[in-house]
């Protein structure tokens, strides 16, 4: 696994090192030992999958509040998405900053988003399937979010006029 640091502390883009031959390919997509060797503690609690039917759809920006804050590793296993992490850690040098990356079934990259950061995804194709590895169990009473279009963050997304759920349309502004 290859770990690429981003401008936000503890947010990584992870690339698998694929071994290819005439039969196909093989790669490691999760290794607690390799994460630890890169200074990342990640204890997986659950894995979730999300299907996004329509190109342009945005899900997020979401996070869980303390004490149920969670680390996430996100991978697009079918289709293509634009994934965003927003630093909400008030003591962080990058508070209020965001970083985005394209995750596709072809590039097989993953996005590691730590506790204290919000997460949002936009589908770049119809019928995208996204897999989430979570360090904490889902807790409805700790679920939170913020408006996808909050001008405080000025997040630039590839597709304008997105499809949104009522919940995502109505999260508060920071």
C-alpha atoms as a PDB file:
ATOM      1  CA  UNK A   1       0.000   0.000   0.000  1.00  0.00           C
ATOM      2  CA  UNK A   2       1.258   3.477  -0.864  1.00  0.00           C
ATOM      3  CA  UNK A   3       0.258   6.315   1.491  1.00  0.00           C
ATOM      4  CA  UNK A   4       0.024   9.847   0.102  1.00  0.00           C
ATOM      5  CA  UNK A   5      -0.281  12.656   2.655  1.00  0.00           C
ATOM      6  CA  UNK A   6      -2.641  15.517   1.841  1.00  0.00           C
ATOM      7  CA  UNK A   7      -2.600  19.124   3.043  1.00  0.00           C
ATOM      8  CA  UNK A   8      -4.841  18.061   5.952  1.00  0.00           C
ATOM      9  CA  UNK A   9      -3.128  16.215   8.797  1.00  0.00           C
ATOM     10  CA  UNK A  10      -4.094  12.532   9.008  1.00  0.00           C
ATOM     11  CA  UNK A  11      -6.029  12.575   5.705  1.00  0.00           C
ATOM     12  CA  UNK A  12      -4.430  10.170   3.234  1.00  0.00           C
ATOM     13  CA  UNK A  13      -4.980   8.913  -0.270  1.00  0.00           C
ATOM     14  CA  UNK A  14      -4.027   5.246  -0.289  1.00  0.00           C
ATOM     15  CA  UNK A  15      -3.082   3.323  -3.418  1.00  0.00           C
ATOM     16  CA  UNK A  16      -2.865  -0.448  -3.506  1.00  0.00           C
ATOM     17  CA  UNK A  17       0.262  -1.927  -5.029  1.00  0.00           C
ATOM     18  CA  UNK A  18      -1.228  -4.300  -7.574  1.00  0.00           C
ATOM     19  CA  UNK A  19       0.626  -7.372  -8.735  1.00  0.00           C
ATOM     20  CA  UNK A  20      -0.451  -8.132 -12.289  1.00  0.00           C
ATOM     21  CA  UNK A  21       0.086 -11.055 -14.601  1.00  0.00           C
ATOM     22  CA  UNK A  22      -1.769 -12.847 -17.406  1.00  0.00           C
ATOM     23  CA  UNK A  23      -4.421 -14.049 -14.932  1.00  0.00           C
ATOM     24  CA  UNK A  24      -5.333 -10.583 -13.637  1.00  0.00           C
ATOM     25  CA  UNK A  25      -4.215  -8.714 -10.546  1.00  0.00           C
ATOM     26  CA  UNK A  26      -3.947  -8.989  -6.793  1.00  0.00           C
ATOM     27  CA  UNK A  27      -3.584  -6.222  -4.213  1.00  0.00           C
ATOM     28  CA  UNK A  28      -3.810  -5.544  -0.521  1.00  0.00           C
ATOM     29  CA  UNK A  29      -6.542  -3.064   0.383  1.00  0.00           C
ATOM     30  CA  UNK A  30      -6.392  -3.174   4.146  1.00  0.00           C
ATOM     31  CA  UNK A  31      -3.478  -4.034   6.402  1.00  0.00           C
ATOM     32  CA  UNK A  32      -3.447  -2.960  10.038  1.00  0.00           C
ATOM     33  CA  UNK A  33       0.329  -3.526  10.150  1.00  0.00           C
ATOM     34  CA  UNK A  34       1.040  -1.250   7.147  1.00  0.00           C
ATOM     35  CA  UNK A  35      -1.291   1.403   8.547  1.00  0.00           C
ATOM     36  CA  UNK A  36       0.565   1.280  11.892  1.00  0.00           C
ATOM     37  CA  UNK A  37       3.948   1.502  10.116  1.00  0.00           C
ATOM     38  CA  UNK A  38       2.686   4.788   8.642  1.00  0.00           C
ATOM     39  CA  UNK A  39       1.571   6.104  12.042  1.00  0.00           C
ATOM     40  CA  UNK A  40      -2.119   5.326  11.485  1.00  0.00           C
ATOM     41  CA  UNK A  41      -4.167   3.534  14.142  1.00  0.00           C
ATOM     42  CA  UNK A  42      -7.310   2.089  12.598  1.00  0.00           C
ATOM     43  CA  UNK A  43      -9.492  -0.474  14.329  1.00  0.00           C
ATOM     44  CA  UNK A  44     -12.238  -1.576  11.963  1.00  0.00           C
ATOM     45  CA  UNK A  45     -15.691  -1.847  13.554  1.00  0.00           C
ATOM     46  CA  UNK A  46     -17.934  -2.190  10.507  1.00  0.00           C
ATOM     47  CA  UNK A  47     -18.035  -2.067   6.724  1.00  0.00           C
ATOM     48  CA  UNK A  48     -20.805  -0.291   4.818  1.00  0.00           C
ATOM     49  CA  UNK A  49     -21.704  -0.040   1.135  1.00  0.00           C
ATOM     50  CA  UNK A  50     -23.654   2.686  -0.576  1.00  0.00           C
ATOM     51  CA  UNK A  51     -25.190   2.647  -4.049  1.00  0.00           C
ATOM     52  CA  UNK A  52     -25.604   6.035  -5.705  1.00  0.00           C
ATOM     53  CA  UNK A  53     -28.026   5.741  -8.609  1.00  0.00           C
ATOM     54  CA  UNK A  54     -27.653   9.072 -10.371  1.00  0.00           C
ATOM     55  CA  UNK A  55     -24.606  10.955 -11.684  1.00  0.00           C
ATOM     56  CA  UNK A  56     -24.175  14.274  -9.855  1.00  0.00           C
ATOM     57  CA  UNK A  57     -25.754  13.077  -6.597  1.00  0.00           C
ATOM     58  CA  UNK A  58     -24.077  14.343  -3.436  1.00  0.00           C
ATOM     59  CA  UNK A  59     -24.161  12.491  -0.124  1.00  0.00           C
ATOM     60  CA  UNK A  60     -22.797  14.510   2.781  1.00  0.00           C
ATOM     61  CA  UNK A  61     -21.174  16.298   4.388  1.00  0.00           C
ATOM     62  CA  UNK A  62     -21.468  13.804   7.285  1.00  0.00           C
ATOM     63  CA  UNK A  63     -19.683  12.901  10.507  1.00  0.00           C
ATOM     64  CA  UNK A  64     -20.398  11.401  13.921  1.00  0.00           C
ATOM     65  CA  UNK A  65     -20.000  13.499  17.078  1.00  0.00           C
ATOM     66  CA  UNK A  66     -17.806  12.575  20.032  1.00  0.00           C
ATOM     67  CA  UNK A  67     -17.723  10.071  21.716  1.00  0.00           C
ATOM     68  CA  UNK A  68     -18.737   8.101  18.607  1.00  0.00           C
ATOM     69  CA  UNK A  69     -16.391   9.923  16.201  1.00  0.00           C
ATOM     70  CA  UNK A  70     -15.091   7.649  13.489  1.00  0.00           C
ATOM     71  CA  UNK A  71     -12.211   7.162  11.109  1.00  0.00           C
ATOM     72  CA  UNK A  72     -13.247   6.119   7.598  1.00  0.00           C
ATOM     73  CA  UNK A  73     -11.538   4.504   4.646  1.00  0.00           C
ATOM     74  CA  UNK A  74     -13.589   5.011   1.488  1.00  0.00           C
ATOM     75  CA  UNK A  75     -13.234   3.193  -1.826  1.00  0.00           C
ATOM     76  CA  UNK A  76     -15.310   3.318  -4.998  1.00  0.00           C
ATOM     77  CA  UNK A  77     -15.704  -0.281  -6.134  1.00  0.00           C
ATOM     78  CA  UNK A  78     -17.944   0.444  -9.129  1.00  0.00           C
ATOM     79  CA  UNK A  79     -18.114   3.672 -11.114  1.00  0.00           C
ATOM     80  CA  UNK A  80     -16.396   6.927 -10.128  1.00  0.00           C
ATOM     81  CA  UNK A  81     -16.848   9.452  -7.320  1.00  0.00           C
ATOM     82  CA  UNK A  82     -15.372  12.738  -6.178  1.00  0.00           C
ATOM     83  CA  UNK A  83     -14.726  12.423  -2.449  1.00  0.00           C
ATOM     84  CA  UNK A  84     -14.198  15.339  -0.051  1.00  0.00           C
ATOM     85  CA  UNK A  85     -12.807  15.566   3.491  1.00  0.00           C
ATOM     86  CA  UNK A  86     -13.327  18.751   5.533  1.00  0.00           C
ATOM     87  CA  UNK A  87     -11.269  19.445   8.649  1.00  0.00           C
ATOM     88  CA  UNK A  88     -13.600  20.352  11.543  1.00  0.00           C
ATOM     89  CA  UNK A  89     -10.980  20.001  14.292  1.00  0.00           C
ATOM     90  CA  UNK A  90     -10.906  23.484  15.853  1.00  0.00           C
ATOM     91  CA  UNK A  91      -7.351  22.987  17.179  1.00  0.00           C
ATOM     92  CA  UNK A  92      -6.034  21.938  13.753  1.00  0.00           C
ATOM     93  CA  UNK A  93      -3.812  24.162  11.602  1.00  0.00           C
ATOM     94  CA  UNK A  94      -6.059  23.247   8.666  1.00  0.00           C
ATOM     95  CA  UNK A  95      -9.410  23.856  10.386  1.00  0.00           C
ATOM     96  CA  UNK A  96     -12.016  24.725   7.747  1.00  0.00           C
ATOM     97  CA  UNK A  97      -9.916  23.474   4.845  1.00  0.00           C
ATOM     98  CA  UNK A  98     -10.965  20.682   2.532  1.00  0.00           C
ATOM     99  CA  UNK A  99      -9.311  18.250   0.189  1.00  0.00           C
ATOM    100  CA  UNK A 100     -10.938  16.246  -2.602  1.00  0.00           C
ATOM    101  CA  UNK A 101      -9.906  13.320  -4.733  1.00  0.00           C
ATOM    102  CA  UNK A 102     -11.350  11.146  -7.470  1.00  0.00           C
ATOM    103  CA  UNK A 103     -11.873   7.512  -6.537  1.00  0.00           C
ATOM    104  CA  UNK A 104     -12.751   5.092  -9.331  1.00  0.00           C
ATOM    105  CA  UNK A 105     -13.149   1.403  -9.940  1.00  0.00           C
ATOM    106  CA  UNK A 106     -10.106   1.692 -12.232  1.00  0.00           C
ATOM    107  CA  UNK A 107      -7.670   3.668 -10.041  1.00  0.00           C
ATOM    108  CA  UNK A 108      -8.673   1.627  -6.950  1.00  0.00           C
ATOM    109  CA  UNK A 109      -7.513   4.457  -4.660  1.00  0.00           C
ATOM    110  CA  UNK A 110      -8.888   4.838  -1.158  1.00  0.00           C
ATOM    111  CA  UNK A 111      -9.397   7.905   1.010  1.00  0.00           C
ATOM    112  CA  UNK A 112      -8.617   7.779   4.736  1.00  0.00           C
ATOM    113  CA  UNK A 113     -10.576  10.403   6.667  1.00  0.00           C
ATOM    114  CA  UNK A 114      -9.868  10.705  10.415  1.00  0.00           C
ATOM    115  CA  UNK A 115     -12.073  11.538  13.369  1.00  0.00           C
ATOM    116  CA  UNK A 116     -12.947  15.214  13.415  1.00  0.00           C
ATOM    117  CA  UNK A 117     -13.356  15.529   9.660  1.00  0.00           C
ATOM    118  CA  UNK A 118     -16.593  15.578   7.698  1.00  0.00           C
ATOM    119  CA  UNK A 119     -17.007  13.502   4.565  1.00  0.00           C
ATOM    120  CA  UNK A 120     -19.003  13.978   1.382  1.00  0.00           C
ATOM    121  CA  UNK A 121     -19.156  12.209  -1.952  1.00  0.00           C
ATOM    122  CA  UNK A 122     -20.420  13.150  -5.422  1.00  0.00           C
ATOM    123  CA  UNK A 123     -21.179  10.492  -8.043  1.00  0.00           C
ATOM    124  CA  UNK A 124     -19.363  11.062 -11.342  1.00  0.00           C
ATOM    125  CA  UNK A 125     -21.359   8.319 -13.070  1.00  0.00           C
ATOM    126  CA  UNK A 126     -24.669   6.514 -12.691  1.00  0.00           C
ATOM    127  CA  UNK A 127     -24.845   3.470 -10.398  1.00  0.00           C
ATOM    128  CA  UNK A 128     -21.712   4.015  -8.310  1.00  0.00           C
ATOM    129  CA  UNK A 129     -20.993   1.652  -5.467  1.00  0.00           C
ATOM    130  CA  UNK A 130     -18.955   2.950  -2.541  1.00  0.00           C
ATOM    131  CA  UNK A 131     -17.498   0.898   0.302  1.00  0.00           C
ATOM    132  CA  UNK A 132     -16.736   2.373   3.736  1.00  0.00           C
ATOM    133  CA  UNK A 133     -14.523   0.822   6.401  1.00  0.00           C
ATOM    134  CA  UNK A 134     -15.449   2.408   9.740  1.00  0.00           C
ATOM    135  CA  UNK A 135     -13.589   2.512  13.066  1.00  0.00           C
ATOM    136  CA  UNK A 136     -16.796   3.037  15.058  1.00  0.00           C
ATOM    137  CA  UNK A 137     -20.294   1.577  14.948  1.00  0.00           C
ATOM    138  CA  UNK A 138     -23.010   3.762  13.469  1.00  0.00           C
ATOM    139  CA  UNK A 139     -24.785   5.735  16.178  1.00  0.00           C
ATOM    140  CA  UNK A 140     -27.923   7.608  15.019  1.00  0.00           C
ATOM    141  CA  UNK A 141     -27.904   9.881  18.075  1.00  0.00           C
ATOM    142  CA  UNK A 142     -24.329  11.021  17.228  1.00  0.00           C
ATOM    143  CA  UNK A 143     -24.962  11.506  13.507  1.00  0.00           C
ATOM    144  CA  UNK A 144     -24.368  15.028  12.268  1.00  0.00           C
ATOM    145  CA  UNK A 145     -23.614  16.985   9.155  1.00  0.00           C
ATOM    146  CA  UNK A 146     -23.257  20.339   7.547  1.00  0.00           C
ATOM    147  CA  UNK A 147     -24.567  21.897   4.380  1.00  0.00           C
ATOM    148  CA  UNK A 148     -22.851  20.610   1.233  1.00  0.00           C
ATOM    149  CA  UNK A 149     -22.759  24.167  -0.159  1.00  0.00           C
ATOM    150  CA  UNK A 150     -21.588  26.031   2.974  1.00  0.00           C
ATOM    151  CA  UNK A 151     -19.798  29.156   1.694  1.00  0.00           C
ATOM    152  CA  UNK A 152     -17.388  29.008   4.661  1.00  0.00           C
ATOM    153  CA  UNK A 153     -15.681  26.029   2.983  1.00  0.00           C
ATOM    154  CA  UNK A 154     -16.213  26.969  -0.708  1.00  0.00           C
ATOM    155  CA  UNK A 155     -15.913  23.353  -1.837  1.00  0.00           C
ATOM    156  CA  UNK A 156     -15.517  23.009  -5.600  1.00  0.00           C
ATOM    157  CA  UNK A 157     -17.268  19.964  -7.027  1.00  0.00           C
ATOM    158  CA  UNK A 158     -17.069  18.674 -10.602  1.00  0.00           C
ATOM    159  CA  UNK A 159     -20.838  18.558 -11.279  1.00  0.00           C
ATOM    160  CA  UNK A 160     -23.166  21.518 -10.700  1.00  0.00           C
ATOM    161  CA  UNK A 161     -26.864  21.261  -9.692  1.00  0.00           C
ATOM    162  CA  UNK A 162     -26.603  18.016  -7.698  1.00  0.00           C
ATOM    163  CA  UNK A 163     -29.332  15.655  -6.591  1.00  0.00           C
ATOM    164  CA  UNK A 164     -29.604  15.771  -2.777  1.00  0.00           C
ATOM    165  CA  UNK A 165     -31.648  14.177  -0.011  1.00  0.00           C
ATOM    166  CA  UNK A 166     -33.850  16.476   2.073  1.00  0.00           C
ATOM    167  CA  UNK A 167     -31.560  15.846   5.044  1.00  0.00           C
ATOM    168  CA  UNK A 168     -28.451  16.903   3.115  1.00  0.00           C
ATOM    169  CA  UNK A 169     -30.212  19.990   1.718  1.00  0.00           C
ATOM    170  CA  UNK A 170     -31.097  21.114   5.238  1.00  0.00           C
ATOM    171  CA  UNK A 171     -27.990  20.517   7.351  1.00  0.00           C
ATOM    172  CA  UNK A 172     -26.977  23.784   9.068  1.00  0.00           C
ATOM    173  CA  UNK A 173     -24.257  26.129   7.884  1.00  0.00           C
ATOM    174  CA  UNK A 174     -21.144  26.319  10.029  1.00  0.00           C
END
